[in-house]
Amino acid sequence: MSLAQIEDYYTSVWAPQRRARGLDVPPLCEVREEIRRLLKAERLDEEIKKWTEQLRSRVNVDIYAW
């Protein structure tokens, strides 16, 4: 995760969301690690979704009814 990505997320997503909820916006240096964790979690979620879609596209399920 690059510092530029973290800064971009802070200015375009994180800070505006906090302002919209009426919360204070601490300086980037105080929340950098929190944002890094958020971005890593988002990236992991995206990868899991892709893997799941790939697995579903390859799976062959046969349903047998009695």
Protein backbone atom coordinates (compact mmCIF):
# COMPACT_ATOMS: atom_id res chain seq x y z
CA MET A 1 0.00 0.00 0.00
CA SER A 2 1.65 3.21 -1.10
CA LEU A 3 1.49 6.48 0.77
CA ALA A 4 -0.12 8.07 -2.29
CA GLN A 5 -2.95 5.51 -2.21
CA ILE A 6 -3.49 6.13 1.49
CA GLU A 7 -3.48 9.89 1.02
CA ASP A 8 -5.89 9.64 -1.91
CA TYR A 9 -8.30 7.48 0.11
CA TYR A 10 -8.03 9.90 3.04
CA THR A 11 -8.89 12.96 0.95
CA SER A 12 -11.48 11.41 -1.36
CA VAL A 13 -13.32 8.92 0.87
CA TRP A 14 -12.39 8.83 4.56
CA ALA A 15 -12.39 12.53 5.46
CA PRO A 16 -15.59 13.38 3.49
CA GLN A 17 -17.44 10.49 5.14
CA ARG A 18 -16.44 11.72 8.60
CA ARG A 19 -17.43 15.30 7.77
CA ALA A 20 -20.81 14.10 6.47
CA ARG A 21 -21.44 12.37 9.80
CA GLY A 22 -20.42 15.48 11.74
CA LEU A 23 -17.24 13.91 13.13
CA ASP A 24 -13.88 15.59 13.47
CA VAL A 25 -11.23 14.78 10.88
CA PRO A 26 -7.87 14.05 12.47
CA PRO A 27 -4.70 14.67 10.48
CA LEU A 28 -3.58 11.94 8.10
CA CYS A 29 -0.52 11.12 10.20
CA GLU A 30 -2.80 10.05 13.08
CA VAL A 31 -4.99 7.72 11.01
CA ARG A 32 -2.56 6.43 8.38
CA GLU A 33 -2.38 2.90 9.84
CA GLU A 34 -6.16 2.69 10.25
CA ILE A 35 -6.62 3.61 6.59
CA ARG A 36 -3.89 1.15 5.57
CA ARG A 37 -5.84 -1.62 7.36
CA LEU A 38 -9.10 -0.54 5.71
CA LEU A 39 -7.54 -0.60 2.26
CA LYS A 40 -5.97 -4.02 2.88
CA ALA A 41 -9.34 -5.37 4.03
CA GLU A 42 -11.05 -3.95 0.93
CA ARG A 43 -8.41 -5.50 -1.31
CA LEU A 44 -8.80 -8.87 0.42
CA ASP A 45 -12.60 -8.72 0.03
CA GLU A 46 -12.20 -8.00 -3.69
CA GLU A 47 -9.81 -10.94 -4.10
CA ILE A 48 -12.17 -13.29 -2.25
CA LYS A 49 -15.05 -12.21 -4.49
CA LYS A 50 -12.94 -12.84 -7.59
CA TRP A 51 -11.82 -16.27 -6.33
CA THR A 52 -15.39 -17.20 -5.47
CA GLU A 53 -16.62 -16.18 -8.92
CA GLN A 54 -13.80 -18.14 -10.57
CA LEU A 55 -14.57 -21.22 -8.51
CA ARG A 56 -18.28 -20.98 -9.27
CA SER A 57 -17.57 -20.70 -12.98
CA ARG A 58 -15.50 -23.92 -12.87
CA VAL A 59 -17.69 -26.02 -10.62
CA ASN A 60 -20.04 -28.60 -12.03
CA VAL A 61 -22.89 -29.42 -9.69
CA ASP A 62 -25.19 -32.32 -10.34
CA ILE A 63 -28.47 -32.41 -8.45
CA TYR A 64 -30.09 -35.77 -8.02
CA ALA A 65 -33.71 -35.88 -6.94
CA TRP A 66 -35.21 -38.95 -5.32
